mmCIF file of all heavy atoms, coordinates in Angstrom:
data_MODEL
# 
_entry.id   MODEL 
# 
loop_
_atom_site.group_PDB 
_atom_site.id 
_atom_site.type_symbol 
_atom_site.label_atom_id 
_atom_site.label_alt_id 
_atom_site.label_comp_id 
_atom_site.label_asym_id 
_atom_site.label_entity_id 
_atom_site.label_seq_id 
_atom_site.pdbx_PDB_ins_code 
_atom_site.Cartn_x 
_atom_site.Cartn_y 
_atom_site.Cartn_z 
_atom_site.occupancy 
_atom_site.B_iso_or_equiv 
_atom_site.pdbx_formal_charge 
_atom_site.auth_seq_id 
_atom_site.auth_comp_id 
_atom_site.auth_asym_id 
_atom_site.auth_atom_id 
_atom_site.pdbx_PDB_model_num 
ATOM 1   N N   . HIS A 1 1  ? -7.042  -8.182  6.167  1.00 0.00 ? 1  HIS A N   1 
ATOM 2   C CA  . HIS A 1 1  ? -7.748  -7.568  5.040  1.00 0.00 ? 1  HIS A CA  1 
ATOM 3   C C   . HIS A 1 1  ? -7.575  -8.377  3.759  1.00 0.00 ? 1  HIS A C   1 
ATOM 4   O O   . HIS A 1 1  ? -7.984  -7.937  2.695  1.00 0.00 ? 1  HIS A O   1 
ATOM 5   C CB  . HIS A 1 1  ? -7.251  -6.137  4.840  1.00 0.00 ? 1  HIS A CB  1 
ATOM 6   C CG  . HIS A 1 1  ? -7.424  -5.293  6.067  1.00 0.00 ? 1  HIS A CG  1 
ATOM 7   N ND1 . HIS A 1 1  ? -8.642  -4.776  6.452  1.00 0.00 ? 1  HIS A ND1 1 
ATOM 8   C CD2 . HIS A 1 1  ? -6.540  -4.922  7.019  1.00 0.00 ? 1  HIS A CD2 1 
ATOM 9   C CE1 . HIS A 1 1  ? -8.492  -4.106  7.584  1.00 0.00 ? 1  HIS A CE1 1 
ATOM 10  N NE2 . HIS A 1 1  ? -7.225  -4.169  7.950  1.00 0.00 ? 1  HIS A NE2 1 
ATOM 11  N N   . VAL A 1 2  ? -6.955  -9.547  3.858  1.00 0.00 ? 2  VAL A N   1 
ATOM 12  C CA  . VAL A 1 2  ? -6.677  -10.391 2.700  1.00 0.00 ? 2  VAL A CA  1 
ATOM 13  C C   . VAL A 1 2  ? -7.649  -11.563 2.694  1.00 0.00 ? 2  VAL A C   1 
ATOM 14  O O   . VAL A 1 2  ? -7.824  -12.230 3.701  1.00 0.00 ? 2  VAL A O   1 
ATOM 15  C CB  . VAL A 1 2  ? -5.220  -10.927 2.747  1.00 0.00 ? 2  VAL A CB  1 
ATOM 16  C CG1 . VAL A 1 2  ? -4.969  -11.911 1.625  1.00 0.00 ? 2  VAL A CG1 1 
ATOM 17  C CG2 . VAL A 1 2  ? -4.231  -9.778  2.703  1.00 0.00 ? 2  VAL A CG2 1 
ATOM 18  N N   . ALA A 1 3  ? -8.293  -11.784 1.554  1.00 0.00 ? 3  ALA A N   1 
ATOM 19  C CA  . ALA A 1 3  ? -9.187  -12.932 1.402  1.00 0.00 ? 3  ALA A CA  1 
ATOM 20  C C   . ALA A 1 3  ? -9.356  -13.234 -0.077 1.00 0.00 ? 3  ALA A C   1 
ATOM 21  O O   . ALA A 1 3  ? -9.195  -12.356 -0.925 1.00 0.00 ? 3  ALA A O   1 
ATOM 22  C CB  . ALA A 1 3  ? -10.552 -12.636 2.037  1.00 0.00 ? 3  ALA A CB  1 
ATOM 23  N N   . LYS A 1 4  ? -9.653  -14.479 -0.370 1.00 0.00 ? 4  LYS A N   1 
ATOM 24  C CA  . LYS A 1 4  ? -9.927  -14.859 -1.750 1.00 0.00 ? 4  LYS A CA  1 
ATOM 25  C C   . LYS A 1 4  ? -11.099 -14.038 -2.279 1.00 0.00 ? 4  LYS A C   1 
ATOM 26  O O   . LYS A 1 4  ? -12.026 -13.718 -1.542 1.00 0.00 ? 4  LYS A O   1 
ATOM 27  C CB  . LYS A 1 4  ? -10.251 -16.346 -1.840 1.00 0.00 ? 4  LYS A CB  1 
ATOM 28  C CG  . LYS A 1 4  ? -9.066  -17.234 -1.616 1.00 0.00 ? 4  LYS A CG  1 
ATOM 29  C CD  . LYS A 1 4  ? -9.432  -18.692 -1.771 1.00 0.00 ? 4  LYS A CD  1 
ATOM 30  C CE  . LYS A 1 4  ? -8.203  -19.545 -1.504 1.00 0.00 ? 4  LYS A CE  1 
ATOM 31  N NZ  . LYS A 1 4  ? -8.459  -20.959 -1.678 1.00 0.00 ? 4  LYS A NZ  1 
ATOM 32  N N   . GLY A 1 5  ? -11.048 -13.690 -3.555 1.00 0.00 ? 5  GLY A N   1 
ATOM 33  C CA  . GLY A 1 5  ? -12.139 -12.967 -4.187 1.00 0.00 ? 5  GLY A CA  1 
ATOM 34  C C   . GLY A 1 5  ? -12.099 -11.467 -3.993 1.00 0.00 ? 5  GLY A C   1 
ATOM 35  O O   . GLY A 1 5  ? -13.009 -10.768 -4.438 1.00 0.00 ? 5  GLY A O   1 
ATOM 36  N N   . LYS A 1 6  ? -11.069 -10.932 -3.336 1.00 0.00 ? 6  LYS A N   1 
ATOM 37  C CA  . LYS A 1 6  ? -10.984 -9.489  -3.116 1.00 0.00 ? 6  LYS A CA  1 
ATOM 38  C C   . LYS A 1 6  ? -10.198 -8.790  -4.224 1.00 0.00 ? 6  LYS A C   1 
ATOM 39  O O   . LYS A 1 6  ? -9.935  -7.615  -4.127 1.00 0.00 ? 6  LYS A O   1 
ATOM 40  C CB  . LYS A 1 6  ? -10.343 -9.180  -1.761 1.00 0.00 ? 6  LYS A CB  1 
ATOM 41  C CG  . LYS A 1 6  ? -11.259 -9.450  -0.590 1.00 0.00 ? 6  LYS A CG  1 
ATOM 42  C CD  . LYS A 1 6  ? -10.634 -9.003  0.702  1.00 0.00 ? 6  LYS A CD  1 
ATOM 43  C CE  . LYS A 1 6  ? -11.305 -7.754  1.195  1.00 0.00 ? 6  LYS A CE  1 
ATOM 44  N NZ  . LYS A 1 6  ? -10.797 -7.342  2.517  1.00 0.00 ? 6  LYS A NZ  1 
ATOM 45  N N   . ASN A 1 7  ? -9.822  -9.524  -5.262 1.00 0.00 ? 7  ASN A N   1 
ATOM 46  C CA  . ASN A 1 7  ? -9.051  -8.961  -6.380 1.00 0.00 ? 7  ASN A CA  1 
ATOM 47  C C   . ASN A 1 7  ? -7.807  -8.237  -5.903 1.00 0.00 ? 7  ASN A C   1 
ATOM 48  O O   . ASN A 1 7  ? -7.537  -7.100  -6.283 1.00 0.00 ? 7  ASN A O   1 
ATOM 49  C CB  . ASN A 1 7  ? -9.925  -8.038  -7.231 1.00 0.00 ? 7  ASN A CB  1 
ATOM 50  C CG  . ASN A 1 7  ? -11.057 -8.790  -7.883 1.00 0.00 ? 7  ASN A CG  1 
ATOM 51  O OD1 . ASN A 1 7  ? -10.876 -9.918  -8.335 1.00 0.00 ? 7  ASN A OD1 1 
ATOM 52  N ND2 . ASN A 1 7  ? -12.234 -8.201  -7.900 1.00 0.00 ? 7  ASN A ND2 1 
ATOM 53  N N   . ILE A 1 8  ? -7.044  -8.897  -5.076 1.00 0.00 ? 8  ILE A N   1 
ATOM 54  C CA  . ILE A 1 8  ? -5.821  -8.317  -4.540 1.00 0.00 ? 8  ILE A CA  1 
ATOM 55  C C   . ILE A 1 8  ? -4.770  -8.302  -5.640 1.00 0.00 ? 8  ILE A C   1 
ATOM 56  O O   . ILE A 1 8  ? -4.530  -9.313  -6.294 1.00 0.00 ? 8  ILE A O   1 
ATOM 57  C CB  . ILE A 1 8  ? -5.337  -9.134  -3.327 1.00 0.00 ? 8  ILE A CB  1 
ATOM 58  C CG1 . ILE A 1 8  ? -6.398  -9.055  -2.226 1.00 0.00 ? 8  ILE A CG1 1 
ATOM 59  C CG2 . ILE A 1 8  ? -3.983  -8.644  -2.842 1.00 0.00 ? 8  ILE A CG2 1 
ATOM 60  C CD1 . ILE A 1 8  ? -6.173  -10.020 -1.094 1.00 0.00 ? 8  ILE A CD1 1 
ATOM 61  N N   . PRO A 1 9  ? -4.160  -7.154  -5.887 1.00 0.00 ? 9  PRO A N   1 
ATOM 62  C CA  . PRO A 1 9  ? -3.163  -7.058  -6.960 1.00 0.00 ? 9  PRO A CA  1 
ATOM 63  C C   . PRO A 1 9  ? -1.870  -7.774  -6.576 1.00 0.00 ? 9  PRO A C   1 
ATOM 64  O O   . PRO A 1 9  ? -1.661  -8.114  -5.411 1.00 0.00 ? 9  PRO A O   1 
ATOM 65  C CB  . PRO A 1 9  ? -2.924  -5.544  -7.070 1.00 0.00 ? 9  PRO A CB  1 
ATOM 66  C CG  . PRO A 1 9  ? -3.206  -5.031  -5.707 1.00 0.00 ? 9  PRO A CG  1 
ATOM 67  C CD  . PRO A 1 9  ? -4.326  -5.890  -5.180 1.00 0.00 ? 9  PRO A CD  1 
ATOM 68  N N   . PRO A 1 10 ? -0.997  -7.991  -7.555 1.00 0.00 ? 10 PRO A N   1 
ATOM 69  C CA  . PRO A 1 10 ? 0.307   -8.583  -7.235 1.00 0.00 ? 10 PRO A CA  1 
ATOM 70  C C   . PRO A 1 10 ? 1.053   -7.721  -6.219 1.00 0.00 ? 10 PRO A C   1 
ATOM 71  O O   . PRO A 1 10 ? 0.917   -6.499  -6.200 1.00 0.00 ? 10 PRO A O   1 
ATOM 72  C CB  . PRO A 1 10 ? 1.038   -8.581  -8.576 1.00 0.00 ? 10 PRO A CB  1 
ATOM 73  C CG  . PRO A 1 10 ? -0.048  -8.560  -9.594 1.00 0.00 ? 10 PRO A CG  1 
ATOM 74  C CD  . PRO A 1 10 ? -1.157  -7.755  -8.979 1.00 0.00 ? 10 PRO A CD  1 
ATOM 75  N N   . PHE A 1 11 ? 1.816   -8.376  -5.388 1.00 0.00 ? 11 PHE A N   1 
ATOM 76  C CA  . PHE A 1 11 ? 2.551   -7.715  -4.314 1.00 0.00 ? 11 PHE A CA  1 
ATOM 77  C C   . PHE A 1 11 ? 4.037   -7.957  -4.457 1.00 0.00 ? 11 PHE A C   1 
ATOM 78  O O   . PHE A 1 11 ? 4.457   -9.023  -4.883 1.00 0.00 ? 11 PHE A O   1 
ATOM 79  C CB  . PHE A 1 11 ? 2.137   -8.306  -2.960 1.00 0.00 ? 11 PHE A CB  1 
ATOM 80  C CG  . PHE A 1 11 ? 1.116   -7.527  -2.206 1.00 0.00 ? 11 PHE A CG  1 
ATOM 81  C CD1 . PHE A 1 11 ? -0.192  -7.472  -2.635 1.00 0.00 ? 11 PHE A CD1 1 
ATOM 82  C CD2 . PHE A 1 11 ? 1.465   -6.855  -1.049 1.00 0.00 ? 11 PHE A CD2 1 
ATOM 83  C CE1 . PHE A 1 11 ? -1.138  -6.773  -1.925 1.00 0.00 ? 11 PHE A CE1 1 
ATOM 84  C CE2 . PHE A 1 11 ? 0.527   -6.152  -0.333 1.00 0.00 ? 11 PHE A CE2 1 
ATOM 85  C CZ  . PHE A 1 11 ? -0.775  -6.107  -0.768 1.00 0.00 ? 11 PHE A CZ  1 
ATOM 86  N N   . LEU A 1 12 ? 4.822   -6.993  -4.056 1.00 0.00 ? 12 LEU A N   1 
ATOM 87  C CA  . LEU A 1 12 ? 6.246   -7.184  -3.813 1.00 0.00 ? 12 LEU A CA  1 
ATOM 88  C C   . LEU A 1 12 ? 6.468   -6.754  -2.374 1.00 0.00 ? 12 LEU A C   1 
ATOM 89  O O   . LEU A 1 12 ? 6.270   -5.591  -2.021 1.00 0.00 ? 12 LEU A O   1 
ATOM 90  C CB  . LEU A 1 12 ? 7.116   -6.345  -4.745 1.00 0.00 ? 12 LEU A CB  1 
ATOM 91  C CG  . LEU A 1 12 ? 8.622   -6.378  -4.437 1.00 0.00 ? 12 LEU A CG  1 
ATOM 92  C CD1 . LEU A 1 12 ? 9.161   -7.802  -4.509 1.00 0.00 ? 12 LEU A CD1 1 
ATOM 93  C CD2 . LEU A 1 12 ? 9.373   -5.455  -5.370 1.00 0.00 ? 12 LEU A CD2 1 
ATOM 94  N N   . ILE A 1 13 ? 6.842   -7.687  -1.545 1.00 0.00 ? 13 ILE A N   1 
ATOM 95  C CA  . ILE A 1 13 ? 7.039   -7.416  -0.125 1.00 0.00 ? 13 ILE A CA  1 
ATOM 96  C C   . ILE A 1 13 ? 8.533   -7.259  0.120  1.00 0.00 ? 13 ILE A C   1 
ATOM 97  O O   . ILE A 1 13 ? 9.289   -8.214  -0.017 1.00 0.00 ? 13 ILE A O   1 
ATOM 98  C CB  . ILE A 1 13 ? 6.465   -8.550  0.737  1.00 0.00 ? 13 ILE A CB  1 
ATOM 99  C CG1 . ILE A 1 13 ? 4.985   -8.733  0.431  1.00 0.00 ? 13 ILE A CG1 1 
ATOM 100 C CG2 . ILE A 1 13 ? 6.695   -8.260  2.215  1.00 0.00 ? 13 ILE A CG2 1 
ATOM 101 C CD1 . ILE A 1 13 ? 4.395   -9.989  1.021  1.00 0.00 ? 13 ILE A CD1 1 
ATOM 102 N N   . LEU A 1 14 ? 8.934   -6.073  0.460  1.00 0.00 ? 14 LEU A N   1 
ATOM 103 C CA  . LEU A 1 14 ? 10.334  -5.788  0.759  1.00 0.00 ? 14 LEU A CA  1 
ATOM 104 C C   . LEU A 1 14 ? 10.532  -5.771  2.262  1.00 0.00 ? 14 LEU A C   1 
ATOM 105 O O   . LEU A 1 14 ? 9.669   -5.292  3.001  1.00 0.00 ? 14 LEU A O   1 
ATOM 106 C CB  . LEU A 1 14 ? 10.732  -4.428  0.190  1.00 0.00 ? 14 LEU A CB  1 
ATOM 107 C CG  . LEU A 1 14 ? 10.560  -4.243  -1.300 1.00 0.00 ? 14 LEU A CG  1 
ATOM 108 C CD1 . LEU A 1 14 ? 10.836  -2.796  -1.689 1.00 0.00 ? 14 LEU A CD1 1 
ATOM 109 C CD2 . LEU A 1 14 ? 11.459  -5.190  -2.073 1.00 0.00 ? 14 LEU A CD2 1 
ATOM 110 N N   . HIS A 1 15 ? 11.662  -6.276  2.694  1.00 0.00 ? 15 HIS A N   1 
ATOM 111 C CA  . HIS A 1 15 ? 11.981  -6.223  4.113  1.00 0.00 ? 15 HIS A CA  1 
ATOM 112 C C   . HIS A 1 15 ? 13.485  -6.262  4.280  1.00 0.00 ? 15 HIS A C   1 
ATOM 113 O O   . HIS A 1 15 ? 14.217  -6.676  3.387  1.00 0.00 ? 15 HIS A O   1 
ATOM 114 C CB  . HIS A 1 15 ? 11.310  -7.365  4.887  1.00 0.00 ? 15 HIS A CB  1 
ATOM 115 C CG  . HIS A 1 15 ? 11.754  -8.735  4.475  1.00 0.00 ? 15 HIS A CG  1 
ATOM 116 N ND1 . HIS A 1 15 ? 12.758  -9.412  5.133  1.00 0.00 ? 15 HIS A ND1 1 
ATOM 117 C CD2 . HIS A 1 15 ? 11.358  -9.529  3.468  1.00 0.00 ? 15 HIS A CD2 1 
ATOM 118 C CE1 . HIS A 1 15 ? 12.938  -10.577 4.549  1.00 0.00 ? 15 HIS A CE1 1 
ATOM 119 N NE2 . HIS A 1 15 ? 12.104  -10.676 3.544  1.00 0.00 ? 15 HIS A NE2 1 
ATOM 120 N N   . VAL A 1 16 ? 13.936  -5.797  5.422  1.00 0.00 ? 16 VAL A N   1 
ATOM 121 C CA  . VAL A 1 16 ? 15.357  -5.820  5.754  1.00 0.00 ? 16 VAL A CA  1 
ATOM 122 C C   . VAL A 1 16 ? 15.673  -7.219  6.268  1.00 0.00 ? 16 VAL A C   1 
ATOM 123 O O   . VAL A 1 16 ? 15.183  -7.627  7.315  1.00 0.00 ? 16 VAL A O   1 
ATOM 124 C CB  . VAL A 1 16 ? 15.698  -4.732  6.797  1.00 0.00 ? 16 VAL A CB  1 
ATOM 125 C CG1 . VAL A 1 16 ? 17.156  -4.827  7.209  1.00 0.00 ? 16 VAL A CG1 1 
ATOM 126 C CG2 . VAL A 1 16 ? 15.376  -3.351  6.242  1.00 0.00 ? 16 VAL A CG2 1 
ATOM 127 N N   . ALA A 1 17 ? 16.485  -7.953  5.518  1.00 0.00 ? 17 ALA A N   1 
ATOM 128 C CA  . ALA A 1 17 ? 16.768  -9.353  5.832  1.00 0.00 ? 17 ALA A CA  1 
ATOM 129 C C   . ALA A 1 17 ? 17.447  -9.532  7.183  1.00 0.00 ? 17 ALA A C   1 
ATOM 130 O O   . ALA A 1 17 ? 17.287  -10.567 7.824  1.00 0.00 ? 17 ALA A O   1 
ATOM 131 C CB  . ALA A 1 17 ? 17.629  -9.967  4.730  1.00 0.00 ? 17 ALA A CB  1 
ATOM 132 N N   . ASP A 1 18 ? 18.190  -8.549  7.625  1.00 0.00 ? 18 ASP A N   1 
ATOM 133 C CA  . ASP A 1 18 ? 18.914  -8.650  8.889  1.00 0.00 ? 18 ASP A CA  1 
ATOM 134 C C   . ASP A 1 18 ? 18.053  -8.323  10.108 1.00 0.00 ? 18 ASP A C   1 
ATOM 135 O O   . ASP A 1 18 ? 18.545  -8.337  11.225 1.00 0.00 ? 18 ASP A O   1 
ATOM 136 C CB  . ASP A 1 18 ? 20.135  -7.719  8.874  1.00 0.00 ? 18 ASP A CB  1 
ATOM 137 C CG  . ASP A 1 18 ? 21.078  -8.044  7.732  1.00 0.00 ? 18 ASP A CG  1 
ATOM 138 O OD1 . ASP A 1 18 ? 21.176  -9.226  7.357  1.00 0.00 ? 18 ASP A OD1 1 
ATOM 139 O OD2 . ASP A 1 18 ? 21.708  -7.110  7.215  1.00 0.00 ? 18 ASP A OD2 1 
ATOM 140 N N   . HIS A 1 19 ? 16.803  -8.007  9.903  1.00 0.00 ? 19 HIS A N   1 
ATOM 141 C CA  . HIS A 1 19 ? 15.912  -7.651  11.003 1.00 0.00 ? 19 HIS A CA  1 
ATOM 142 C C   . HIS A 1 19 ? 14.912  -8.792  11.209 1.00 0.00 ? 19 HIS A C   1 
ATOM 143 O O   . HIS A 1 19 ? 13.980  -8.963  10.420 1.00 0.00 ? 19 HIS A O   1 
ATOM 144 C CB  . HIS A 1 19 ? 15.165  -6.351  10.683 1.00 0.00 ? 19 HIS A CB  1 
ATOM 145 C CG  . HIS A 1 19 ? 14.503  -5.741  11.863 1.00 0.00 ? 19 HIS A CG  1 
ATOM 146 N ND1 . HIS A 1 19 ? 13.412  -6.304  12.464 1.00 0.00 ? 19 HIS A ND1 1 
ATOM 147 C CD2 . HIS A 1 19 ? 14.778  -4.623  12.554 1.00 0.00 ? 19 HIS A CD2 1 
ATOM 148 C CE1 . HIS A 1 19 ? 13.031  -5.553  13.479 1.00 0.00 ? 19 HIS A CE1 1 
ATOM 149 N NE2 . HIS A 1 19 ? 13.845  -4.531  13.551 1.00 0.00 ? 19 HIS A NE2 1 
ATOM 150 N N   . PRO A 1 20 ? 15.096  -9.600  12.243 1.00 0.00 ? 20 PRO A N   1 
ATOM 151 C CA  . PRO A 1 20 ? 14.262  -10.797 12.388 1.00 0.00 ? 20 PRO A CA  1 
ATOM 152 C C   . PRO A 1 20 ? 12.771  -10.519 12.570 1.00 0.00 ? 20 PRO A C   1 
ATOM 153 O O   . PRO A 1 20 ? 11.943  -11.297 12.104 1.00 0.00 ? 20 PRO A O   1 
ATOM 154 C CB  . PRO A 1 20 ? 14.840  -11.498 13.619 1.00 0.00 ? 20 PRO A CB  1 
ATOM 155 C CG  . PRO A 1 20 ? 15.628  -10.473 14.341 1.00 0.00 ? 20 PRO A CG  1 
ATOM 156 C CD  . PRO A 1 20 ? 16.073  -9.467  13.324 1.00 0.00 ? 20 PRO A CD  1 
ATOM 157 N N   . ASP A 1 21 ? 12.416  -9.418  13.221 1.00 0.00 ? 21 ASP A N   1 
ATOM 158 C CA  . ASP A 1 21 ? 10.995  -9.142  13.446 1.00 0.00 ? 21 ASP A CA  1 
ATOM 159 C C   . ASP A 1 21 ? 10.268  -8.846  12.137 1.00 0.00 ? 21 ASP A C   1 
ATOM 160 O O   . ASP A 1 21 ? 9.228   -9.433  11.845 1.00 0.00 ? 21 ASP A O   1 
ATOM 161 C CB  . ASP A 1 21 ? 10.806  -7.974  14.422 1.00 0.00 ? 21 ASP A CB  1 
ATOM 162 C CG  . ASP A 1 21 ? 11.257  -8.307  15.827 1.00 0.00 ? 21 ASP A CG  1 
ATOM 163 O OD1 . ASP A 1 21 ? 11.225  -9.489  16.200 1.00 0.00 ? 21 ASP A OD1 1 
ATOM 164 O OD2 . ASP A 1 21 ? 11.650  -7.379  16.548 1.00 0.00 ? 21 ASP A OD2 1 
ATOM 165 N N   . THR A 1 22 ? 10.801  -7.913  11.351 1.00 0.00 ? 22 THR A N   1 
ATOM 166 C CA  . THR A 1 22 ? 10.104  -7.562  10.109 1.00 0.00 ? 22 THR A CA  1 
ATOM 167 C C   . THR A 1 22 ? 10.227  -8.669  9.067  1.00 0.00 ? 22 THR A C   1 
ATOM 168 O O   . THR A 1 22 ? 9.334   -8.834  8.243  1.00 0.00 ? 22 THR A O   1 
ATOM 169 C CB  . THR A 1 22 ? 10.587  -6.210  9.540  1.00 0.00 ? 22 THR A CB  1 
ATOM 170 O OG1 . THR A 1 22 ? 12.004  -6.240  9.381  1.00 0.00 ? 22 THR A OG1 1 
ATOM 171 C CG2 . THR A 1 22 ? 10.182  -5.075  10.441 1.00 0.00 ? 22 THR A CG2 1 
ATOM 172 N N   . SER A 1 23 ? 11.313  -9.447  9.105  1.00 0.00 ? 23 SER A N   1 
ATOM 173 C CA  . SER A 1 23 ? 11.424  -10.582 8.186  1.00 0.00 ? 23 SER A CA  1 
ATOM 174 C C   . SER A 1 23 ? 10.318  -11.599 8.461  1.00 0.00 ? 23 SER A C   1 
ATOM 175 O O   . SER A 1 23 ? 9.656   -12.083 7.538  1.00 0.00 ? 23 SER A O   1 
ATOM 176 C CB  . SER A 1 23 ? 12.788  -11.257 8.312  1.00 0.00 ? 23 SER A CB  1 
ATOM 177 O OG  . SER A 1 23 ? 13.808  -10.413 7.832  1.00 0.00 ? 23 SER A OG  1 
ATOM 178 N N   . ALA A 1 24 ? 10.094  -11.922 9.723  1.00 0.00 ? 24 ALA A N   1 
ATOM 179 C CA  . ALA A 1 24 ? 9.033   -12.866 10.086 1.00 0.00 ? 24 ALA A CA  1 
ATOM 180 C C   . ALA A 1 24 ? 7.669   -12.333 9.657  1.00 0.00 ? 24 ALA A C   1 
ATOM 181 O O   . ALA A 1 24 ? 6.838   -13.081 9.137  1.00 0.00 ? 24 ALA A O   1 
ATOM 182 C CB  . ALA A 1 24 ? 9.053   -13.129 11.594 1.00 0.00 ? 24 ALA A CB  1 
# 
């Protein structure tokens, strides 16, 4: 759902660093 020109707002992506699947 991400593409140039879609006016996507700034993001902060949080994840659990010790969890390799969600970190990737």
